[in-house]
Amino acid sequence: MPRSEAAKNKEQEIHTPVTDDLVSGFLKWLEVERNCSPATVYQYGHDLAMLSAHARGLKKKIEALTYQDLFNFLRSLRERRKYQARSLARKAAAIKSFYKWLLRGKLIEHSPAEAIESPKLPKRAPAALNQEEQERLFAQLQANAYNLRGKRDNCILHFLFHLGLRVSELTSLKFENIRKDDEGGRYAQIIGKGDKERRVPLNDKAEKALDAYLSVRPETPHPYLFIALRGTKSQSKISPRSVQKLAVKYRKTLNLPLRFTPHKGRHTFLSRLVQNGVDISIAAKLAGHANLQTTMGYLTLRNQDMKSAVGKL
């Protein structure tokens, strides 16, 4: 017997992809209003897509989920899919932020995620390359710096390791962001998270790498410093994905630690600052950290660093 029109309408209402529209609106807000990095937007989108699928399985709209629904979702990820604490913490953060956004927009009356507790994470110092690993990396970069690609890659890694830039900050860097101070020294004007501006001076190594790259960089119609190189074309700015691939290339070539990523340059930059006695407030300002506690995490030295220091006595 054919279903009634009312039954069809009810089924359609249940499965209407309103949730996708809400998630898309939230992700757009993260990108435009909060100025979050593409990586953050992608990760939050992935996490909320999983939650949307969970809601569809319950035949609910995502904005109608309860605390118990969210609790069961996270518990399932932990117990059945064996997600680790760090991944669960990120998903909990994405969920809390999403429902807070819905509440702020008066799309819900209260947040079901308010009572969600994030798993406790083990404290660990951010990973950084040790001195020997850094020396091998930059020796190889210098050996490869005989053409445009090599000079560009050399400059990119110098900016990550000697300016402590985030990947999104590096790929968004324009010619106009490289400036001179009153004494003639060059610095990078960085627009970081939340549109917060900071200045990071270029040391001698970064300046030399930049000059070598600019001496061979072709003119392009866009104002971005680092260009993409695809065959003979170089008309667009480099993407975060290309910078990540660059890190993978050198990780494999030099047998660097498995978790070596572009962000390790920033970790190494900050670790070296605090280990060399730079005032923590100055390190925080150079890093663009809004919370001093974030920078304090770099004060924890690895065992091998402490053994090395004692060995030099």
C-alpha atoms as a PDB file:
ATOM      1  CA  MET A   1       0.000   0.000   0.000  1.00  0.00           C
ATOM      2  CA  PRO A   2       1.475   3.393  -0.984  1.00  0.00           C
ATOM      3  CA  ARG A   3       2.621   5.560   1.876  1.00  0.00           C
ATOM      4  CA  SER A   4       0.568   8.667   2.627  1.00  0.00           C
ATOM      5  CA  GLU A   5       1.865  12.084   1.636  1.00  0.00           C
ATOM      6  CA  ALA A   6       2.076  13.010   5.316  1.00  0.00           C
ATOM      7  CA  ALA A   7       4.314  10.011   6.038  1.00  0.00           C
ATOM      8  CA  LYS A   8       6.585  10.959   3.158  1.00  0.00           C
ATOM      9  CA  ASN A   9       6.789  14.531   4.404  1.00  0.00           C
ATOM     10  CA  LYS A  10       7.586  13.330   7.931  1.00  0.00           C
ATOM     11  CA  GLU A  11      10.404  11.106   6.665  1.00  0.00           C
ATOM     12  CA  GLN A  12      11.783  13.931   4.559  1.00  0.00           C
ATOM     13  CA  GLU A  13      11.727  16.228   7.588  1.00  0.00           C
ATOM     14  CA  ILE A  14      13.765  13.748   9.614  1.00  0.00           C
ATOM     15  CA  HIS A  15      16.428  13.400   6.940  1.00  0.00           C
ATOM     16  CA  THR A  16      16.532  17.017   5.752  1.00  0.00           C
ATOM     17  CA  PRO A  17      20.242  17.956   5.649  1.00  0.00           C
ATOM     18  CA  VAL A  18      19.781  20.945   7.954  1.00  0.00           C
ATOM     19  CA  THR A  19      22.645  19.618  10.014  1.00  0.00           C
ATOM     20  CA  ASP A  20      25.015  19.989   7.091  1.00  0.00           C
ATOM     21  CA  ASP A  21      23.906  23.606   6.669  1.00  0.00           C
ATOM     22  CA  LEU A  22      24.507  24.335  10.341  1.00  0.00           C
ATOM     23  CA  VAL A  23      27.920  22.697  10.330  1.00  0.00           C
ATOM     24  CA  SER A  24      28.842  24.554   7.135  1.00  0.00           C
ATOM     25  CA  GLY A  25      27.767  27.831   8.720  1.00  0.00           C
ATOM     26  CA  PHE A  26      29.854  27.110  11.804  1.00  0.00           C
ATOM     27  CA  LEU A  27      32.937  26.232   9.727  1.00  0.00           C
ATOM     28  CA  LYS A  28      32.528  29.436   7.715  1.00  0.00           C
ATOM     29  CA  TRP A  29      32.364  31.371  10.978  1.00  0.00           C
ATOM     30  CA  LEU A  30      35.584  29.715  12.160  1.00  0.00           C
ATOM     31  CA  GLU A  31      37.302  30.647   8.913  1.00  0.00           C
ATOM     32  CA  VAL A  32      36.034  34.217   8.506  1.00  0.00           C
ATOM     33  CA  GLU A  33      35.255  35.505  11.992  1.00  0.00           C
ATOM     34  CA  ARG A  34      37.748  33.553  14.067  1.00  0.00           C
ATOM     35  CA  ASN A  35      40.478  33.455  11.406  1.00  0.00           C
ATOM     36  CA  CYS A  36      41.217  29.799  12.191  1.00  0.00           C
ATOM     37  CA  SER A  37      43.802  27.976  10.107  1.00  0.00           C
ATOM     38  CA  PRO A  38      42.649  25.765   7.210  1.00  0.00           C
ATOM     39  CA  ALA A  39      43.895  22.746   9.169  1.00  0.00           C
ATOM     40  CA  THR A  40      41.711  23.605  12.176  1.00  0.00           C
ATOM     41  CA  VAL A  41      38.649  24.193   9.994  1.00  0.00           C
ATOM     42  CA  TYR A  42      39.234  20.872   8.233  1.00  0.00           C
ATOM     43  CA  GLN A  43      39.688  18.936  11.487  1.00  0.00           C
ATOM     44  CA  TYR A  44      36.585  20.452  13.096  1.00  0.00           C
ATOM     45  CA  GLY A  45      34.633  19.739   9.912  1.00  0.00           C
ATOM     46  CA  HIS A  46      35.742  16.108   9.992  1.00  0.00           C
ATOM     47  CA  ASP A  47      34.788  15.742  13.663  1.00  0.00           C
ATOM     48  CA  LEU A  48      31.365  17.309  13.180  1.00  0.00           C
ATOM     49  CA  ALA A  49      30.712  15.206  10.071  1.00  0.00           C
ATOM     50  CA  MET A  50      31.117  12.151  12.301  1.00  0.00           C
ATOM     51  CA  LEU A  51      28.689  13.664  14.793  1.00  0.00           C
ATOM     52  CA  SER A  52      26.221  14.402  11.977  1.00  0.00           C
ATOM     53  CA  ALA A  53      26.364  10.756  10.916  1.00  0.00           C
ATOM     54  CA  HIS A  54      25.706   9.758  14.534  1.00  0.00           C
ATOM     55  CA  ALA A  55      22.682  12.081  14.612  1.00  0.00           C
ATOM     56  CA  ARG A  56      21.319  10.594  11.402  1.00  0.00           C
ATOM     57  CA  GLY A  57      21.671   7.130  12.907  1.00  0.00           C
ATOM     58  CA  LEU A  58      19.491   8.305  15.794  1.00  0.00           C
ATOM     59  CA  LYS A  59      17.088   9.943  13.307  1.00  0.00           C
ATOM     60  CA  LYS A  60      17.693  13.289  14.970  1.00  0.00           C
ATOM     61  CA  LYS A  61      18.873  16.660  13.817  1.00  0.00           C
ATOM     62  CA  ILE A  62      22.258  17.617  15.156  1.00  0.00           C
ATOM     63  CA  GLU A  63      20.825  20.600  17.036  1.00  0.00           C
ATOM     64  CA  ALA A  64      18.374  18.255  18.796  1.00  0.00           C
ATOM     65  CA  LEU A  65      20.999  15.937  20.281  1.00  0.00           C
ATOM     66  CA  THR A  66      21.047  15.620  24.060  1.00  0.00           C
ATOM     67  CA  TYR A  67      23.914  15.388  26.526  1.00  0.00           C
ATOM     68  CA  GLN A  68      23.400  11.626  26.666  1.00  0.00           C
ATOM     69  CA  ASP A  69      23.601  11.399  22.856  1.00  0.00           C
ATOM     70  CA  LEU A  70      26.906  13.278  22.868  1.00  0.00           C
ATOM     71  CA  PHE A  71      28.225  11.215  25.785  1.00  0.00           C
ATOM     72  CA  ASN A  72      27.352   7.976  23.984  1.00  0.00           C
ATOM     73  CA  PHE A  73      28.993   9.235  20.778  1.00  0.00           C
ATOM     74  CA  LEU A  74      32.297   9.970  22.504  1.00  0.00           C
ATOM     75  CA  ARG A  75      32.137   6.752  24.539  1.00  0.00           C
ATOM     76  CA  SER A  76      31.636   4.756  21.343  1.00  0.00           C
ATOM     77  CA  LEU A  77      34.694   6.367  19.798  1.00  0.00           C
ATOM     78  CA  ARG A  78      36.741   5.500  22.882  1.00  0.00           C
ATOM     79  CA  GLU A  79      35.523   1.960  23.551  1.00  0.00           C
ATOM     80  CA  ARG A  80      34.565   0.598  20.128  1.00  0.00           C
ATOM     81  CA  ARG A  81      36.838   2.535  17.776  1.00  0.00           C
ATOM     82  CA  LYS A  82      39.752   2.863  20.229  1.00  0.00           C
ATOM     83  CA  TYR A  83      40.334   6.589  19.786  1.00  0.00           C
ATOM     84  CA  GLN A  84      43.109   7.944  21.988  1.00  0.00           C
ATOM     85  CA  ALA A  85      42.727  10.738  24.542  1.00  0.00           C
ATOM     86  CA  ARG A  86      44.209  13.461  22.330  1.00  0.00           C
ATOM     87  CA  SER A  87      41.840  12.733  19.436  1.00  0.00           C
ATOM     88  CA  LEU A  88      38.850  12.538  21.796  1.00  0.00           C
ATOM     89  CA  ALA A  89      39.830  15.848  23.386  1.00  0.00           C
ATOM     90  CA  ARG A  90      39.862  17.541  19.988  1.00  0.00           C
ATOM     91  CA  LYS A  91      36.455  16.111  19.125  1.00  0.00           C
ATOM     92  CA  ALA A  92      35.053  17.255  22.466  1.00  0.00           C
ATOM     93  CA  ALA A  93      36.454  20.739  21.811  1.00  0.00           C
ATOM     94  CA  ALA A  94      34.869  20.825  18.342  1.00  0.00           C
ATOM     95  CA  ILE A  95      31.502  19.728  19.744  1.00  0.00           C
ATOM     96  CA  LYS A  96      31.565  22.266  22.588  1.00  0.00           C
ATOM     97  CA  SER A  97      32.517  25.082  20.249  1.00  0.00           C
ATOM     98  CA  PHE A  98      29.791  24.126  17.761  1.00  0.00           C
ATOM     99  CA  TYR A  99      26.986  24.075  20.326  1.00  0.00           C
ATOM    100  CA  LYS A 100      28.233  27.304  21.892  1.00  0.00           C
ATOM    101  CA  TRP A 101      27.962  28.858  18.418  1.00  0.00           C
ATOM    102  CA  LEU A 102      24.402  27.515  18.065  1.00  0.00           C
ATOM    103  CA  LEU A 103      23.528  28.947  21.492  1.00  0.00           C
ATOM    104  CA  ARG A 104      25.023  32.326  20.631  1.00  0.00           C
ATOM    105  CA  GLY A 105      22.964  32.402  17.449  1.00  0.00           C
ATOM    106  CA  LYS A 106      19.826  31.491  19.432  1.00  0.00           C
ATOM    107  CA  LEU A 107      19.399  28.321  17.373  1.00  0.00           C
ATOM    108  CA  ILE A 108      19.136  26.290  20.579  1.00  0.00           C
ATOM    109  CA  GLU A 109      17.995  27.217  24.085  1.00  0.00           C
ATOM    110  CA  HIS A 110      20.821  25.493  25.952  1.00  0.00           C
ATOM    111  CA  SER A 111      24.005  23.645  25.047  1.00  0.00           C
ATOM    112  CA  PRO A 112      23.908  19.854  25.561  1.00  0.00           C
ATOM    113  CA  ALA A 113      27.719  19.890  25.393  1.00  0.00           C
ATOM    114  CA  GLU A 114      28.212  22.177  28.379  1.00  0.00           C
ATOM    115  CA  ALA A 115      28.705  19.268  30.799  1.00  0.00           C
ATOM    116  CA  ILE A 116      30.912  17.228  28.443  1.00  0.00           C
ATOM    117  CA  GLU A 117      34.303  16.606  30.073  1.00  0.00           C
ATOM    118  CA  SER A 118      37.415  16.390  27.936  1.00  0.00           C
ATOM    119  CA  PRO A 119      39.756  13.479  28.694  1.00  0.00           C
ATOM    120  CA  LYS A 120      42.842  14.322  30.689  1.00  0.00           C
ATOM    121  CA  LEU A 121      45.915  14.469  28.509  1.00  0.00           C
ATOM    122  CA  PRO A 122      49.366  13.372  29.646  1.00  0.00           C
ATOM    123  CA  LYS A 123      51.670  16.345  29.986  1.00  0.00           C
ATOM    124  CA  ARG A 124      54.520  16.321  27.519  1.00  0.00           C
ATOM    125  CA  ALA A 125      56.936  18.864  26.184  1.00  0.00           C
ATOM    126  CA  PRO A 126      56.388  19.828  22.536  1.00  0.00           C
ATOM    127  CA  ALA A 127      58.735  17.806  20.343  1.00  0.00           C
ATOM    128  CA  ALA A 128      61.668  19.630  18.786  1.00  0.00           C
ATOM    129  CA  LEU A 129      64.646  18.577  16.692  1.00  0.00           C
ATOM    130  CA  ASN A 130      67.878  18.191  18.605  1.00  0.00           C
ATOM    131  CA  GLN A 131      71.072  19.963  17.553  1.00  0.00           C
ATOM    132  CA  GLU A 132      72.410  17.075  15.476  1.00  0.00           C
ATOM    133  CA  GLU A 133      69.121  16.677  13.600  1.00  0.00           C
ATOM    134  CA  GLN A 134      68.972  20.409  12.881  1.00  0.00           C
ATOM    135  CA  GLU A 135      72.530  20.437  11.560  1.00  0.00           C
ATOM    136  CA  ARG A 136      71.832  17.525   9.210  1.00  0.00           C
ATOM    137  CA  LEU A 137      68.631  19.169   7.976  1.00  0.00           C
ATOM    138  CA  PHE A 138      70.197  22.525   7.152  1.00  0.00           C
ATOM    139  CA  ALA A 139      73.314  20.948   5.642  1.00  0.00           C
ATOM    140  CA  GLN A 140      71.085  19.022   3.223  1.00  0.00           C
ATOM    141  CA  LEU A 141      68.993  22.119   2.487  1.00  0.00           C
ATOM    142  CA  GLN A 142      72.139  24.089   1.686  1.00  0.00           C
ATOM    143  CA  ALA A 143      73.430  21.320  -0.583  1.00  0.00           C
ATOM    144  CA  ASN A 144      70.146  21.418  -2.515  1.00  0.00           C
ATOM    145  CA  ALA A 145      69.997  25.215  -2.745  1.00  0.00           C
ATOM    146  CA  TYR A 146      71.452  25.490  -6.263  1.00  0.00           C
ATOM    147  CA  ASN A 147      68.228  26.283  -8.143  1.00  0.00           C
ATOM    148  CA  LEU A 148      64.871  28.012  -7.602  1.00  0.00           C
ATOM    149  CA  ARG A 149      63.211  25.062  -5.865  1.00  0.00           C
ATOM    150  CA  GLY A 150      66.188  24.413  -3.613  1.00  0.00           C
ATOM    151  CA  LYS A 151      66.533  28.080  -2.625  1.00  0.00           C
ATOM    152  CA  ARG A 152      62.792  28.349  -1.990  1.00  0.00           C
ATOM    153  CA  ASP A 153      62.760  25.215   0.193  1.00  0.00           C
ATOM    154  CA  ASN A 154      65.830  26.417   2.082  1.00  0.00           C
ATOM    155  CA  CYS A 155      64.130  29.741   2.808  1.00  0.00           C
ATOM    156  CA  ILE A 156      60.870  28.071   3.862  1.00  0.00           C
ATOM    157  CA  LEU A 157      62.595  25.849   6.433  1.00  0.00           C
ATOM    158  CA  HIS A 158      64.670  28.773   7.708  1.00  0.00           C
ATOM    159  CA  PHE A 159      61.500  30.797   8.259  1.00  0.00           C
ATOM    160  CA  LEU A 160      59.861  27.902  10.104  1.00  0.00           C
ATOM    161  CA  PHE A 161      62.892  27.219  12.314  1.00  0.00           C
ATOM    162  CA  HIS A 162      64.252  30.752  12.809  1.00  0.00           C
ATOM    163  CA  LEU A 163      61.023  32.770  12.899  1.00  0.00           C
ATOM    164  CA  GLY A 164      58.773  30.149  14.477  1.00  0.00           C
ATOM    165  CA  LEU A 165      55.966  30.665  11.978  1.00  0.00           C
ATOM    166  CA  ARG A 166      52.842  28.562  11.773  1.00  0.00           C
ATOM    167  CA  VAL A 167      52.361  26.992   8.333  1.00  0.00           C
ATOM    168  CA  SER A 168      49.301  29.159   7.650  1.00  0.00           C
ATOM    169  CA  GLU A 169      51.317  32.259   8.549  1.00  0.00           C
ATOM    170  CA  LEU A 170      54.156  31.251   6.237  1.00  0.00           C
ATOM    171  CA  THR A 171      51.948  30.533   3.210  1.00  0.00           C
ATOM    172  CA  SER A 172      50.080  33.833   3.732  1.00  0.00           C
ATOM    173  CA  LEU A 173      53.277  35.899   3.969  1.00  0.00           C
ATOM    174  CA  LYS A 174      53.435  38.721   1.409  1.00  0.00           C
ATOM    175  CA  PHE A 175      56.292  40.903   0.182  1.00  0.00           C
ATOM    176  CA  GLU A 176      54.809  43.832   2.102  1.00  0.00           C
ATOM    177  CA  ASN A 177      55.115  41.825   5.323  1.00  0.00           C
ATOM    178  CA  ILE A 178      58.932  41.887   5.117  1.00  0.00           C
ATOM    179  CA  ARG A 179      59.852  45.304   6.496  1.00  0.00           C
ATOM    180  CA  LYS A 180      62.750  47.278   7.930  1.00  0.00           C
ATOM    181  CA  ASP A 181      62.913  48.811  11.380  1.00  0.00           C
ATOM    182  CA  ASP A 182      64.407  52.203  12.232  1.00  0.00           C
ATOM    183  CA  GLU A 183      67.873  50.686  12.448  1.00  0.00           C
ATOM    184  CA  GLY A 184      67.658  49.019   9.035  1.00  0.00           C
ATOM    185  CA  GLY A 185      67.122  45.492  10.335  1.00  0.00           C
ATOM    186  CA  ARG A 186      64.495  43.373   8.619  1.00  0.00           C
ATOM    187  CA  TYR A 187      61.549  41.782  10.347  1.00  0.00           C
ATOM    188  CA  ALA A 188      58.437  39.847   9.360  1.00  0.00           C
ATOM    189  CA  GLN A 189      55.086  41.388  10.179  1.00  0.00           C
ATOM    190  CA  ILE A 190      52.874  38.413  11.015  1.00  0.00           C
ATOM    191  CA  ILE A 191      49.080  38.375  11.229  1.00  0.00           C
ATOM    192  CA  GLY A 192      48.424  35.368  13.437  1.00  0.00           C
ATOM    193  CA  LYS A 193      45.436  33.734  15.089  1.00  0.00           C
ATOM    194  CA  GLY A 194      42.564  36.086  15.852  1.00  0.00           C
ATOM    195  CA  ASP A 195      44.119  38.744  13.563  1.00  0.00           C
ATOM    196  CA  LYS A 196      46.755  39.430  16.220  1.00  0.00           C
ATOM    197  CA  GLU A 197      49.808  41.150  14.792  1.00  0.00           C
ATOM    198  CA  ARG A 198      53.388  40.554  15.857  1.00  0.00           C
ATOM    199  CA  ARG A 199      56.899  41.343  14.639  1.00  0.00           C
ATOM    200  CA  VAL A 200      59.575  38.694  14.341  1.00  0.00           C
ATOM    201  CA  PRO A 201      63.109  39.883  13.469  1.00  0.00           C
ATOM    202  CA  LEU A 202      65.049  37.988  10.781  1.00  0.00           C
ATOM    203  CA  ASN A 203      68.377  36.675  12.033  1.00  0.00           C
ATOM    204  CA  ASP A 204      71.428  36.458   9.732  1.00  0.00           C
ATOM    205  CA  LYS A 205      70.651  32.921   8.594  1.00  0.00           C
ATOM    206  CA  ALA A 206      67.049  33.745   7.654  1.00  0.00           C
ATOM    207  CA  GLU A 207      68.161  36.917   5.849  1.00  0.00           C
ATOM    208  CA  LYS A 208      70.743  35.079   3.764  1.00  0.00           C
ATOM    209  CA  ALA A 209      68.250  32.379   2.845  1.00  0.00           C
ATOM    210  CA  LEU A 210      65.684  35.022   1.883  1.00  0.00           C
ATOM    211  CA  ASP A 211      68.132  37.009  -0.273  1.00  0.00           C
ATOM    212  CA  ALA A 212      69.270  33.864  -2.081  1.00  0.00           C
ATOM    213  CA  TYR A 213      65.653  32.912  -2.812  1.00  0.00           C
ATOM    214  CA  LEU A 214      64.636  36.400  -3.974  1.00  0.00           C
ATOM    215  CA  SER A 215      67.599  36.540  -6.340  1.00  0.00           C
ATOM    216  CA  VAL A 216      66.039  33.761  -8.452  1.00  0.00           C
ATOM    217  CA  ARG A 217      62.327  34.117  -7.692  1.00  0.00           C
ATOM    218  CA  PRO A 218      60.363  34.934 -10.880  1.00  0.00           C
ATOM    219  CA  GLU A 219      57.825  37.754 -10.978  1.00  0.00           C
ATOM    220  CA  THR A 220      54.246  36.688 -10.342  1.00  0.00           C
ATOM    221  CA  PRO A 221      50.881  38.468 -10.495  1.00  0.00           C
ATOM    222  CA  HIS A 222      50.228  37.746  -6.810  1.00  0.00           C
ATOM    223  CA  PRO A 223      51.936  39.400  -3.802  1.00  0.00           C
ATOM    224  CA  TYR A 224      52.767  36.236  -1.839  1.00  0.00           C
ATOM    225  CA  LEU A 225      56.394  35.553  -0.982  1.00  0.00           C
ATOM    226  CA  PHE A 226      56.519  31.787  -1.423  1.00  0.00           C
ATOM    227  CA  ILE A 227      55.376  30.420  -4.767  1.00  0.00           C
ATOM    228  CA  ALA A 228      54.094  27.020  -5.840  1.00  0.00           C
ATOM    229  CA  LEU A 229      56.293  25.187  -8.339  1.00  0.00           C
ATOM    230  CA  ARG A 230      54.407  22.835 -10.609  1.00  0.00           C
ATOM    231  CA  GLY A 231      56.536  21.987 -13.612  1.00  0.00           C
ATOM    232  CA  THR A 232      57.396  25.286 -15.287  1.00  0.00           C
ATOM    233  CA  LYS A 233      54.431  27.139 -13.753  1.00  0.00           C
ATOM    234  CA  SER A 234      54.834  29.347 -10.700  1.00  0.00           C
ATOM    235  CA  GLN A 235      51.798  31.600 -10.773  1.00  0.00           C
ATOM    236  CA  SER A 236      50.175  30.740  -7.435  1.00  0.00           C
ATOM    237  CA  LYS A 237      51.224  30.904  -3.799  1.00  0.00           C
ATOM    238  CA  ILE A 238      52.421  27.752  -2.090  1.00  0.00           C
ATOM    239  CA  SER A 239      49.790  25.743  -0.202  1.00  0.00           C
ATOM    240  CA  PRO A 240      50.038  24.371   3.359  1.00  0.00           C
ATOM    241  CA  ARG A 241      49.830  20.890   1.847  1.00  0.00           C
ATOM    242  CA  SER A 242      52.955  21.530  -0.246  1.00  0.00           C
ATOM    243  CA  VAL A 243      54.853  22.662   2.856  1.00  0.00           C
ATOM    244  CA  GLN A 244      53.771  19.460   4.617  1.00  0.00           C
ATOM    245  CA  LYS A 245      55.024  17.392   1.670  1.00  0.00           C
ATOM    246  CA  LEU A 246      58.335  19.236   1.863  1.00  0.00           C
ATOM    247  CA  ALA A 247      58.713  18.153   5.487  1.00  0.00           C
ATOM    248  CA  VAL A 248      57.915  14.544   4.554  1.00  0.00           C
ATOM    249  CA  LYS A 249      60.560  14.661   1.811  1.00  0.00           C
ATOM    250  CA  TYR A 250      63.315  15.691   4.210  1.00  0.00           C
ATOM    251  CA  ARG A 251      62.100  13.394   6.957  1.00  0.00           C
ATOM    252  CA  LYS A 252      62.524  10.412   4.666  1.00  0.00           C
ATOM    253  CA  THR A 253      65.798  11.625   3.131  1.00  0.00           C
ATOM    254  CA  LEU A 254      67.472  12.288   6.478  1.00  0.00           C
ATOM    255  CA  ASN A 255      65.684   9.638   8.561  1.00  0.00           C
ATOM    256  CA  LEU A 256      64.342  12.288  10.924  1.00  0.00           C
ATOM    257  CA  PRO A 257      61.825  11.375  13.650  1.00  0.00           C
ATOM    258  CA  LEU A 258      58.610   9.927  12.280  1.00  0.00           C
ATOM    259  CA  ARG A 259      56.502  12.791  13.609  1.00  0.00           C
ATOM    260  CA  PHE A 260      58.632  15.476  11.924  1.00  0.00           C
ATOM    261  CA  THR A 261      56.218  18.057  10.497  1.00  0.00           C
ATOM    262  CA  PRO A 262      56.475  21.747   9.524  1.00  0.00           C
ATOM    263  CA  HIS A 263      55.206  22.633  12.999  1.00  0.00           C
ATOM    264  CA  LYS A 264      58.330  21.056  14.500  1.00  0.00           C
ATOM    265  CA  GLY A 265      60.174  24.112  13.204  1.00  0.00           C
ATOM    266  CA  ARG A 266      58.040  26.294  15.461  1.00  0.00           C
ATOM    267  CA  HIS A 267      58.542  23.896  18.382  1.00  0.00           C
ATOM    268  CA  THR A 268      62.303  23.958  17.833  1.00  0.00           C
ATOM    269  CA  PHE A 269      62.354  27.765  17.574  1.00  0.00           C
ATOM    270  CA  LEU A 270      60.554  28.179  20.901  1.00  0.00           C
ATOM    271  CA  SER A 271      62.486  25.414  22.659  1.00  0.00           C
ATOM    272  CA  ARG A 272      65.800  27.006  21.686  1.00  0.00           C
ATOM    273  CA  LEU A 273      64.639  30.420  22.880  1.00  0.00           C
ATOM    274  CA  VAL A 274      63.683  29.253  26.372  1.00  0.00           C
ATOM    275  CA  GLN A 275      66.664  26.927  26.661  1.00  0.00           C
ATOM    276  CA  ASN A 276      68.973  29.829  25.826  1.00  0.00           C
ATOM    277  CA  GLY A 277      67.520  31.893  28.659  1.00  0.00           C
ATOM    278  CA  VAL A 278      65.268  34.236  26.670  1.00  0.00           C
ATOM    279  CA  ASP A 279      62.668  35.832  28.942  1.00  0.00           C
ATOM    280  CA  ILE A 280      59.444  33.822  28.738  1.00  0.00           C
ATOM    281  CA  SER A 281      57.340  36.928  27.997  1.00  0.00           C
ATOM    282  CA  ILE A 282      59.551  37.773  25.010  1.00  0.00           C
ATOM    283  CA  ALA A 283      59.329  34.206  23.709  1.00  0.00           C
ATOM    284  CA  ALA A 284      55.543  34.362  24.045  1.00  0.00           C
ATOM    285  CA  LYS A 285      55.419  37.637  22.106  1.00  0.00           C
ATOM    286  CA  LEU A 286      57.587  36.237  19.300  1.00  0.00           C
ATOM    287  CA  ALA A 287      55.381  33.151  19.113  1.00  0.00           C
ATOM    288  CA  GLY A 288      52.117  35.059  19.192  1.00  0.00           C
ATOM    289  CA  HIS A 289      50.904  33.139  22.237  1.00  0.00           C
ATOM    290  CA  ALA A 290      47.946  34.809  23.938  1.00  0.00           C
ATOM    291  CA  ASN A 291      48.396  32.609  27.014  1.00  0.00           C
ATOM    292  CA  LEU A 292      51.782  32.564  28.742  1.00  0.00           C
ATOM    293  CA  GLN A 293      51.082  29.012  29.952  1.00  0.00           C
ATOM    294  CA  THR A 294      51.362  27.803  26.348  1.00  0.00           C
ATOM    295  CA  THR A 295      54.907  29.125  26.149  1.00  0.00           C
ATOM    296  CA  MET A 296      55.725  27.730  29.600  1.00  0.00           C
ATOM    297  CA  GLY A 297      55.327  24.226  28.157  1.00  0.00           C
ATOM    298  CA  TYR A 298      58.582  24.708  26.284  1.00  0.00           C
ATOM    299  CA  LEU A 299      60.536  25.040  29.532  1.00  0.00           C
ATOM    300  CA  THR A 300      60.385  21.256  29.986  1.00  0.00           C
ATOM    301  CA  LEU A 301      63.576  19.802  28.581  1.00  0.00           C
ATOM    302  CA  ARG A 302      63.929  16.341  27.151  1.00  0.00           C
ATOM    303  CA  ASN A 303      66.120  13.819  28.939  1.00  0.00           C
ATOM    304  CA  GLN A 304      68.620  13.740  26.089  1.00  0.00           C
ATOM    305  CA  ASP A 305      68.939  17.551  26.223  1.00  0.00           C
ATOM    306  CA  MET A 306      69.642  17.434  29.965  1.00  0.00           C
ATOM    307  CA  LYS A 307      72.155  14.600  29.544  1.00  0.00           C
ATOM    308  CA  SER A 308      73.875  16.589  26.806  1.00  0.00           C
ATOM    309  CA  ALA A 309      74.046  19.683  29.005  1.00  0.00           C
ATOM    310  CA  VAL A 310      75.558  17.768  31.941  1.00  0.00           C
ATOM    311  CA  GLY A 311      77.992  16.023  29.598  1.00  0.00           C
ATOM    312  CA  LYS A 312      79.500  19.372  28.611  1.00  0.00           C
ATOM    313  CA  LEU A 313      80.547  20.209  32.199  1.00  0.00           C
END
